[in-house]
Amino acid sequence: MAEIELKTAPADFRFPTTNQTRHCFTRYIEFHRCLVAKGENSGECERFAKYYRSLCPGEWVERWNEQRENGTFPGPL
C-alpha cells in the first residue's frame, strides 16, 4: 500500500495570526495570477493551488470561482 503524505501551506510571515482568512485569499489570488503569467498548462502554479486548497473552505472557492466567471471577483487578478 502506498504511503499518503499530507501537507498544508507553509508558514508565511505575512500572516502571523491564527486567523488564516487573508492567507487563504492571498494564496487563491497568487494561484490565478500565476496561471495568467505562466499559462494554464504550467506545472509551476500547482504549489499555489495546493496552498489555497489546504487553507480555504470549499464554499469560498466555489463562490470566488463563480465571481471570477461573472466578472465580479473583488480581488486583484
PDB file of N, CA and C in Angstrom:
ATOM      1  N   MET A   1       0.838  -1.159   0.000  1.00  0.00           N
ATOM      2  CA  MET A   1       0.000   0.000   0.000  1.00  0.00           C
ATOM      3  C   MET A   1       0.898   1.242   0.000  1.00  0.00           C
ATOM      4  N   ALA A   2       0.568   2.215  -0.847  1.00  0.00           N
ATOM      5  CA  ALA A   2       1.343   3.445  -0.936  1.00  0.00           C
ATOM      6  C   ALA A   2       1.080   4.326   0.284  1.00  0.00           C
ATOM      7  N   GLU A   3       2.131   4.968   0.746  1.00  0.00           N
ATOM      8  CA  GLU A   3       2.000   5.852   1.897  1.00  0.00           C
ATOM      9  C   GLU A   3       1.524   7.223   1.421  1.00  0.00           C
ATOM     10  N   ILE A   4       0.535   7.773   2.120  1.00  0.00           N
ATOM     11  CA  ILE A   4      -0.014   9.079   1.775  1.00  0.00           C
ATOM     12  C   ILE A   4       0.618  10.128   2.667  1.00  0.00           C
ATOM     13  N   GLU A   5       1.116  11.186   2.039  1.00  0.00           N
ATOM     14  CA  GLU A   5       1.738  12.275   2.784  1.00  0.00           C
ATOM     15  C   GLU A   5       0.831  13.497   2.717  1.00  0.00           C
ATOM     16  N   LEU A   6       0.373  13.963   3.876  1.00  0.00           N
ATOM     17  CA  LEU A   6      -0.488  15.134   3.937  1.00  0.00           C
ATOM     18  C   LEU A   6       0.336  16.357   4.306  1.00  0.00           C
ATOM     19  N   LYS A   7       0.135  17.452   3.572  1.00  0.00           N
ATOM     20  CA  LYS A   7       0.848  18.693   3.832  1.00  0.00           C
ATOM     21  C   LYS A   7      -0.132  19.844   3.752  1.00  0.00           C
ATOM     22  N   THR A   8       0.211  20.926   4.397  1.00  0.00           N
ATOM     23  CA  THR A   8      -0.557  22.157   4.271  1.00  0.00           C
ATOM     24  C   THR A   8       0.392  23.254   3.814  1.00  0.00           C
ATOM     25  N   ALA A   9      -0.132  24.429   3.622  1.00  0.00           N
ATOM     26  CA  ALA A   9       0.710  25.547   3.186  1.00  0.00           C
ATOM     27  C   ALA A   9       1.754  25.851   4.251  1.00  0.00           C
ATOM     28  N   PRO A  10       2.943  26.214   3.832  1.00  0.00           N
ATOM     29  CA  PRO A  10       3.978  26.543   4.818  1.00  0.00           C
ATOM     30  C   PRO A  10       3.652  27.838   5.544  1.00  0.00           C
ATOM     31  N   ALA A  11       4.270  28.037   6.681  1.00  0.00           N
ATOM     32  CA  ALA A  11       4.074  29.274   7.439  1.00  0.00           C
ATOM     33  C   ALA A  11       4.516  30.458   6.581  1.00  0.00           C
ATOM     34  N   ASP A  12       3.800  31.554   6.709  1.00  0.00           N
ATOM     35  CA  ASP A  12       4.093  32.746   5.927  1.00  0.00           C
ATOM     36  C   ASP A  12       4.136  33.933   6.869  1.00  0.00           C
ATOM     37  N   PHE A  13       5.270  34.610   6.945  1.00  0.00           N
ATOM     38  CA  PHE A  13       5.449  35.711   7.885  1.00  0.00           C
ATOM     39  C   PHE A  13       4.464  36.855   7.661  1.00  0.00           C
ATOM     40  N   ARG A  14       3.838  36.911   6.475  1.00  0.00           N
ATOM     41  CA  ARG A  14       2.856  37.966   6.221  1.00  0.00           C
ATOM     42  C   ARG A  14       1.563  37.740   6.992  1.00  0.00           C
ATOM     43  N   PHE A  15       1.373  36.522   7.497  1.00  0.00           N
ATOM     44  CA  PHE A  15       0.138  36.154   8.184  1.00  0.00           C
ATOM     45  C   PHE A  15       0.463  35.499   9.517  1.00  0.00           C
ATOM     46  N   PRO A  16       0.865  36.297  10.524  1.00  0.00           N
ATOM     47  CA  PRO A  16       1.350  35.732  11.784  1.00  0.00           C
ATOM     48  C   PRO A  16       0.254  35.249  12.737  1.00  0.00           C
ATOM     49  N   THR A  17      -0.987  35.610  12.509  1.00  0.00           N
ATOM     50  CA  THR A  17      -2.048  35.240  13.443  1.00  0.00           C
ATOM     51  C   THR A  17      -2.669  33.906  13.064  1.00  0.00           C
ATOM     52  N   THR A  18      -3.491  33.398  13.955  1.00  0.00           N
ATOM     53  CA  THR A  18      -4.141  32.118  13.687  1.00  0.00           C
ATOM     54  C   THR A  18      -5.301  32.252  12.710  1.00  0.00           C
ATOM     55  N   ASN A  19      -5.845  33.453  12.535  1.00  0.00           N
ATOM     56  CA  ASN A  19      -6.897  33.669  11.552  1.00  0.00           C
ATOM     57  C   ASN A  19      -6.247  33.659  10.167  1.00  0.00           C
ATOM     58  N   GLN A  20      -6.556  32.665   9.388  1.00  0.00           N
ATOM     59  CA  GLN A  20      -5.891  32.468   8.105  1.00  0.00           C
ATOM     60  C   GLN A  20      -6.723  32.922   6.913  1.00  0.00           C
ATOM     61  N   THR A  21      -7.743  33.748   7.157  1.00  0.00           N
ATOM     62  CA  THR A  21      -8.609  34.204   6.077  1.00  0.00           C
ATOM     63  C   THR A  21      -7.827  34.939   4.994  1.00  0.00           C
ATOM     64  N   ARG A  22      -7.018  35.912   5.378  1.00  0.00           N
ATOM     65  CA  ARG A  22      -6.244  36.668   4.386  1.00  0.00           C
ATOM     66  C   ARG A  22      -5.214  35.775   3.701  1.00  0.00           C
ATOM     67  N   HIS A  23      -4.633  34.844   4.449  1.00  0.00           N
ATOM     68  CA  HIS A  23      -3.661  33.911   3.873  1.00  0.00           C
ATOM     69  C   HIS A  23      -4.328  33.094   2.775  1.00  0.00           C
ATOM     70  N   CYS A  24      -5.501  32.578   3.064  1.00  0.00           N
ATOM     71  CA  CYS A  24      -6.275  31.804   2.097  1.00  0.00           C
ATOM     72  C   CYS A  24      -6.542  32.632   0.842  1.00  0.00           C
ATOM     73  N   PHE A  25      -7.071  33.843   1.030  1.00  0.00           N
ATOM     74  CA  PHE A  25      -7.430  34.717  -0.084  1.00  0.00           C
ATOM     75  C   PHE A  25      -6.193  35.070  -0.922  1.00  0.00           C
ATOM     76  N   THR A  26      -5.093  35.363  -0.265  1.00  0.00           N
ATOM     77  CA  THR A  26      -3.864  35.718  -0.967  1.00  0.00           C
ATOM     78  C   THR A  26      -3.340  34.554  -1.795  1.00  0.00           C
ATOM     79  N   ARG A  27      -3.367  33.358  -1.247  1.00  0.00           N
ATOM     80  CA  ARG A  27      -2.894  32.179  -1.994  1.00  0.00           C
ATOM     81  C   ARG A  27      -3.784  31.896  -3.198  1.00  0.00           C
ATOM     82  N   TYR A  28      -5.098  32.113  -3.046  1.00  0.00           N
ATOM     83  CA  TYR A  28      -6.031  31.946  -4.166  1.00  0.00           C
ATOM     84  C   TYR A  28      -5.669  32.920  -5.292  1.00  0.00           C
ATOM     85  N   ILE A  29      -5.428  34.169  -4.931  1.00  0.00           N
ATOM     86  CA  ILE A  29      -5.068  35.184  -5.913  1.00  0.00           C
ATOM     87  C   ILE A  29      -3.717  34.853  -6.551  1.00  0.00           C
ATOM     88  N   GLU A  30      -2.741  34.432  -5.745  1.00  0.00           N
ATOM     89  CA  GLU A  30      -1.422  34.078  -6.288  1.00  0.00           C
ATOM     90  C   GLU A  30      -1.537  32.957  -7.317  1.00  0.00           C
ATOM     91  N   PHE A  31      -2.388  31.977  -7.043  1.00  0.00           N
ATOM     92  CA  PHE A  31      -2.573  30.879  -7.984  1.00  0.00           C
ATOM     93  C   PHE A  31      -3.098  31.394  -9.321  1.00  0.00           C
ATOM     94  N   HIS A  32      -4.116  32.228  -9.289  1.00  0.00           N
ATOM     95  CA  HIS A  32      -4.716  32.692 -10.536  1.00  0.00           C
ATOM     96  C   HIS A  32      -3.822  33.690 -11.274  1.00  0.00           C
ATOM     97  N   ARG A  33      -3.050  34.463 -10.549  1.00  0.00           N
ATOM     98  CA  ARG A  33      -2.063  35.335 -11.196  1.00  0.00           C
ATOM     99  C   ARG A  33      -0.990  34.499 -11.876  1.00  0.00           C
ATOM    100  N   CYS A  34      -0.580  33.421 -11.228  1.00  0.00           N
ATOM    101  CA  CYS A  34       0.420  32.524 -11.805  1.00  0.00           C
ATOM    102  C   CYS A  34      -0.107  31.904 -13.098  1.00  0.00           C
ATOM    103  N   LEU A  35      -1.368  31.492 -13.098  1.00  0.00           N
ATOM    104  CA  LEU A  35      -1.948  30.912 -14.311  1.00  0.00           C
ATOM    105  C   LEU A  35      -1.928  31.906 -15.462  1.00  0.00           C
ATOM    106  N   VAL A  36      -2.222  33.159 -15.166  1.00  0.00           N
ATOM    107  CA  VAL A  36      -2.210  34.187 -16.210  1.00  0.00           C
ATOM    108  C   VAL A  36      -0.788  34.393 -16.726  1.00  0.00           C
ATOM    109  N   ALA A  37       0.170  34.430 -15.807  1.00  0.00           N
ATOM    110  CA  ALA A  37       1.555  34.695 -16.186  1.00  0.00           C
ATOM    111  C   ALA A  37       2.229  33.504 -16.867  1.00  0.00           C
ATOM    112  N   LYS A  38       1.978  32.295 -16.379  1.00  0.00           N
ATOM    113  CA  LYS A  38       2.700  31.110 -16.859  1.00  0.00           C
ATOM    114  C   LYS A  38       1.900  30.254 -17.834  1.00  0.00           C
ATOM    115  N   GLY A  39       0.581  30.419 -17.829  1.00  0.00           N
ATOM    116  CA  GLY A  39      -0.260  29.617 -18.706  1.00  0.00           C
ATOM    117  C   GLY A  39      -0.954  28.504 -17.951  1.00  0.00           C
ATOM    118  N   GLU A  40      -2.073  28.079 -18.499  1.00  0.00           N
ATOM    119  CA  GLU A  40      -2.911  27.057 -17.868  1.00  0.00           C
ATOM    120  C   GLU A  40      -2.185  25.719 -17.701  1.00  0.00           C
ATOM    121  N   ASN A  41      -1.299  25.390 -18.606  1.00  0.00           N
ATOM    122  CA  ASN A  41      -0.638  24.082 -18.589  1.00  0.00           C
ATOM    123  C   ASN A  41       0.661  24.065 -17.792  1.00  0.00           C
ATOM    124  N   SER A  42       1.001  25.178 -17.184  1.00  0.00           N
ATOM    125  CA  SER A  42       2.250  25.250 -16.428  1.00  0.00           C
ATOM    126  C   SER A  42       2.098  24.536 -15.085  1.00  0.00           C
ATOM    127  N   GLY A  43       3.025  23.683 -14.782  1.00  0.00           N
ATOM    128  CA  GLY A  43       3.021  22.987 -13.500  1.00  0.00           C
ATOM    129  C   GLY A  43       3.559  23.841 -12.364  1.00  0.00           C
ATOM    130  N   GLU A  44       4.136  24.985 -12.698  1.00  0.00           N
ATOM    131  CA  GLU A  44       4.726  25.854 -11.693  1.00  0.00           C
ATOM    132  C   GLU A  44       3.693  26.422 -10.727  1.00  0.00           C
ATOM    133  N   CYS A  45       2.451  26.510 -11.145  1.00  0.00           N
ATOM    134  CA  CYS A  45       1.401  27.116 -10.324  1.00  0.00           C
ATOM    135  C   CYS A  45       0.764  26.107  -9.357  1.00  0.00           C
ATOM    136  N   GLU A  46       1.073  24.859  -9.528  1.00  0.00           N
ATOM    137  CA  GLU A  46       0.408  23.816  -8.736  1.00  0.00           C
ATOM    138  C   GLU A  46       0.638  23.977  -7.239  1.00  0.00           C
ATOM    139  N   ARG A  47       1.793  24.468  -6.841  1.00  0.00           N
ATOM    140  CA  ARG A  47       2.035  24.639  -5.403  1.00  0.00           C
ATOM    141  C   ARG A  47       1.076  25.658  -4.808  1.00  0.00           C
ATOM    142  N   PHE A  48       0.772  26.738  -5.562  1.00  0.00           N
ATOM    143  CA  PHE A  48      -0.190  27.717  -5.068  1.00  0.00           C
ATOM    144  C   PHE A  48      -1.576  27.097  -4.945  1.00  0.00           C
ATOM    145  N   ALA A  49      -1.915  26.230  -5.874  1.00  0.00           N
ATOM    146  CA  ALA A  49      -3.206  25.539  -5.811  1.00  0.00           C
ATOM    147  C   ALA A  49      -3.272  24.668  -4.559  1.00  0.00           C
ATOM    148  N   LYS A  50      -2.207  23.953  -4.268  1.00  0.00           N
ATOM    149  CA  LYS A  50      -2.178  23.111  -3.064  1.00  0.00           C
ATOM    150  C   LYS A  50      -2.337  23.967  -1.813  1.00  0.00           C
ATOM    151  N   TYR A  51      -1.683  25.131  -1.806  1.00  0.00           N
ATOM    152  CA  TYR A  51      -1.759  26.011  -0.640  1.00  0.00           C
ATOM    153  C   TYR A  51      -3.182  26.496  -0.413  1.00  0.00           C
ATOM    154  N   TYR A  52      -3.801  27.061  -1.446  1.00  0.00           N
ATOM    155  CA  TYR A  52      -5.133  27.611  -1.209  1.00  0.00           C
ATOM    156  C   TYR A  52      -6.153  26.510  -0.946  1.00  0.00           C
ATOM    157  N   ARG A  53      -5.967  25.352  -1.564  1.00  0.00           N
ATOM    158  CA  ARG A  53      -6.916  24.258  -1.313  1.00  0.00           C
ATOM    159  C   ARG A  53      -6.812  23.731   0.111  1.00  0.00           C
ATOM    160  N   SER A  54      -5.626  23.822   0.708  1.00  0.00           N
ATOM    161  CA  SER A  54      -5.474  23.352   2.083  1.00  0.00           C
ATOM    162  C   SER A  54      -5.932  24.401   3.096  1.00  0.00           C
ATOM    163  N   LEU A  55      -5.968  25.670   2.698  1.00  0.00           N
ATOM    164  CA  LEU A  55      -6.330  26.747   3.611  1.00  0.00           C
ATOM    165  C   LEU A  55      -7.785  27.199   3.504  1.00  0.00           C
ATOM    166  N   CYS A  56      -8.347  27.158   2.319  1.00  0.00           N
ATOM    167  CA  CYS A  56      -9.656  27.772   2.063  1.00  0.00           C
ATOM    168  C   CYS A  56     -10.800  26.765   2.146  1.00  0.00           C
ATOM    169  N   PRO A  57     -11.909  27.175   2.783  1.00  0.00           N
ATOM    170  CA  PRO A  57     -13.112  26.338   2.742  1.00  0.00           C
ATOM    171  C   PRO A  57     -13.617  26.215   1.301  1.00  0.00           C
ATOM    172  N   GLY A  58     -14.107  25.048   0.961  1.00  0.00           N
ATOM    173  CA  GLY A  58     -14.587  24.789  -0.391  1.00  0.00           C
ATOM    174  C   GLY A  58     -15.680  25.744  -0.837  1.00  0.00           C
ATOM    175  N   GLU A  59     -16.551  26.153   0.076  1.00  0.00           N
ATOM    176  CA  GLU A  59     -17.642  27.069  -0.275  1.00  0.00           C
ATOM    177  C   GLU A  59     -17.092  28.408  -0.755  1.00  0.00           C
ATOM    178  N   TRP A  60     -16.010  28.869  -0.121  1.00  0.00           N
ATOM    179  CA  TRP A  60     -15.404  30.143  -0.530  1.00  0.00           C
ATOM    180  C   TRP A  60     -14.845  30.030  -1.942  1.00  0.00           C
ATOM    181  N   VAL A  61     -14.140  28.946  -2.192  1.00  0.00           N
ATOM    182  CA  VAL A  61     -13.523  28.750  -3.503  1.00  0.00           C
ATOM    183  C   VAL A  61     -14.595  28.676  -4.586  1.00  0.00           C
ATOM    184  N   GLU A  62     -15.668  27.960  -4.319  1.00  0.00           N
ATOM    185  CA  GLU A  62     -16.764  27.873  -5.287  1.00  0.00           C
ATOM    186  C   GLU A  62     -17.344  29.250  -5.579  1.00  0.00           C
ATOM    187  N   ARG A  63     -17.556  30.050  -4.539  1.00  0.00           N
ATOM    188  CA  ARG A  63     -18.122  31.390  -4.717  1.00  0.00           C
ATOM    189  C   ARG A  63     -17.142  32.275  -5.485  1.00  0.00           C
ATOM    190  N   TRP A  64     -15.842  32.210  -5.147  1.00  0.00           N
ATOM    191  CA  TRP A  64     -14.856  33.019  -5.860  1.00  0.00           C
ATOM    192  C   TRP A  64     -14.756  32.622  -7.321  1.00  0.00           C
ATOM    193  N   ASN A  65     -14.838  31.304  -7.600  1.00  0.00           N
ATOM    194  CA  ASN A  65     -14.814  30.850  -8.992  1.00  0.00           C
ATOM    195  C   ASN A  65     -16.008  31.404  -9.759  1.00  0.00           C
ATOM    196  N   GLU A  66     -17.179  31.386  -9.145  1.00  0.00           N
ATOM    197  CA  GLU A  66     -18.375  31.949  -9.781  1.00  0.00           C
ATOM    198  C   GLU A  66     -18.201  33.446 -10.021  1.00  0.00           C
ATOM    199  N   GLN A  67     -17.657  34.151  -9.031  1.00  0.00           N
ATOM    200  CA  GLN A  67     -17.438  35.589  -9.170  1.00  0.00           C
ATOM    201  C   GLN A  67     -16.445  35.893 -10.286  1.00  0.00           C
ATOM    202  N   ARG A  68     -15.399  35.096 -10.401  1.00  0.00           N
ATOM    203  CA  ARG A  68     -14.434  35.298 -11.489  1.00  0.00           C
ATOM    204  C   ARG A  68     -15.105  35.106 -12.839  1.00  0.00           C
ATOM    205  N   GLU A  69     -15.944  34.066 -12.948  1.00  0.00           N
ATOM    206  CA  GLU A  69     -16.644  33.802 -14.201  1.00  0.00           C
ATOM    207  C   GLU A  69     -17.597  34.938 -14.560  1.00  0.00           C
ATOM    208  N   ASN A  70     -18.205  35.551 -13.538  1.00  0.00           N
ATOM    209  CA  ASN A  70     -19.169  36.633 -13.757  1.00  0.00           C
ATOM    210  C   ASN A  70     -18.517  38.006 -13.853  1.00  0.00           C
ATOM    211  N   GLY A  71     -17.204  38.070 -13.595  1.00  0.00           N
ATOM    212  CA  GLY A  71     -16.511  39.351 -13.645  1.00  0.00           C
ATOM    213  C   GLY A  71     -16.732  40.220 -12.428  1.00  0.00           C
ATOM    214  N   THR A  72     -17.145  39.599 -11.302  1.00  0.00           N
ATOM    215  CA  THR A  72     -17.430  40.375 -10.082  1.00  0.00           C
ATOM    216  C   THR A  72     -16.484  40.032  -8.935  1.00  0.00           C
ATOM    217  N   PHE A  73     -15.394  39.347  -9.230  1.00  0.00           N
ATOM    218  CA  PHE A  73     -14.461  38.968  -8.170  1.00  0.00           C
ATOM    219  C   PHE A  73     -13.830  40.209  -7.582  1.00  0.00           C
ATOM    220  N   PRO A  74     -13.821  40.317  -6.230  1.00  0.00           N
ATOM    221  CA  PRO A  74     -13.346  41.553  -5.595  1.00  0.00           C
ATOM    222  C   PRO A  74     -11.831  41.719  -5.533  1.00  0.00           C
ATOM    223  N   GLY A  75     -11.087  40.696  -5.838  1.00  0.00           N
ATOM    224  CA  GLY A  75      -9.635  40.770  -5.686  1.00  0.00           C
ATOM    225  C   GLY A  75      -8.927  41.200  -6.956  1.00  0.00           C
ATOM    226  N   PRO A  76      -7.664  41.574  -6.814  1.00  0.00           N
ATOM    227  CA  PRO A  76      -6.859  41.985  -7.972  1.00  0.00           C
ATOM    228  C   PRO A  76      -6.257  40.781  -8.682  1.00  0.00           C
ATOM    229  N   LEU A  77      -6.831  40.412  -9.794  1.00  0.00           N
ATOM    230  CA  LEU A  77      -6.289  39.309 -10.580  1.00  0.00           C
ATOM    231  C   LEU A  77      -5.656  39.902 -11.779  1.00  0.00           C
TER     232      LEU A  77
END
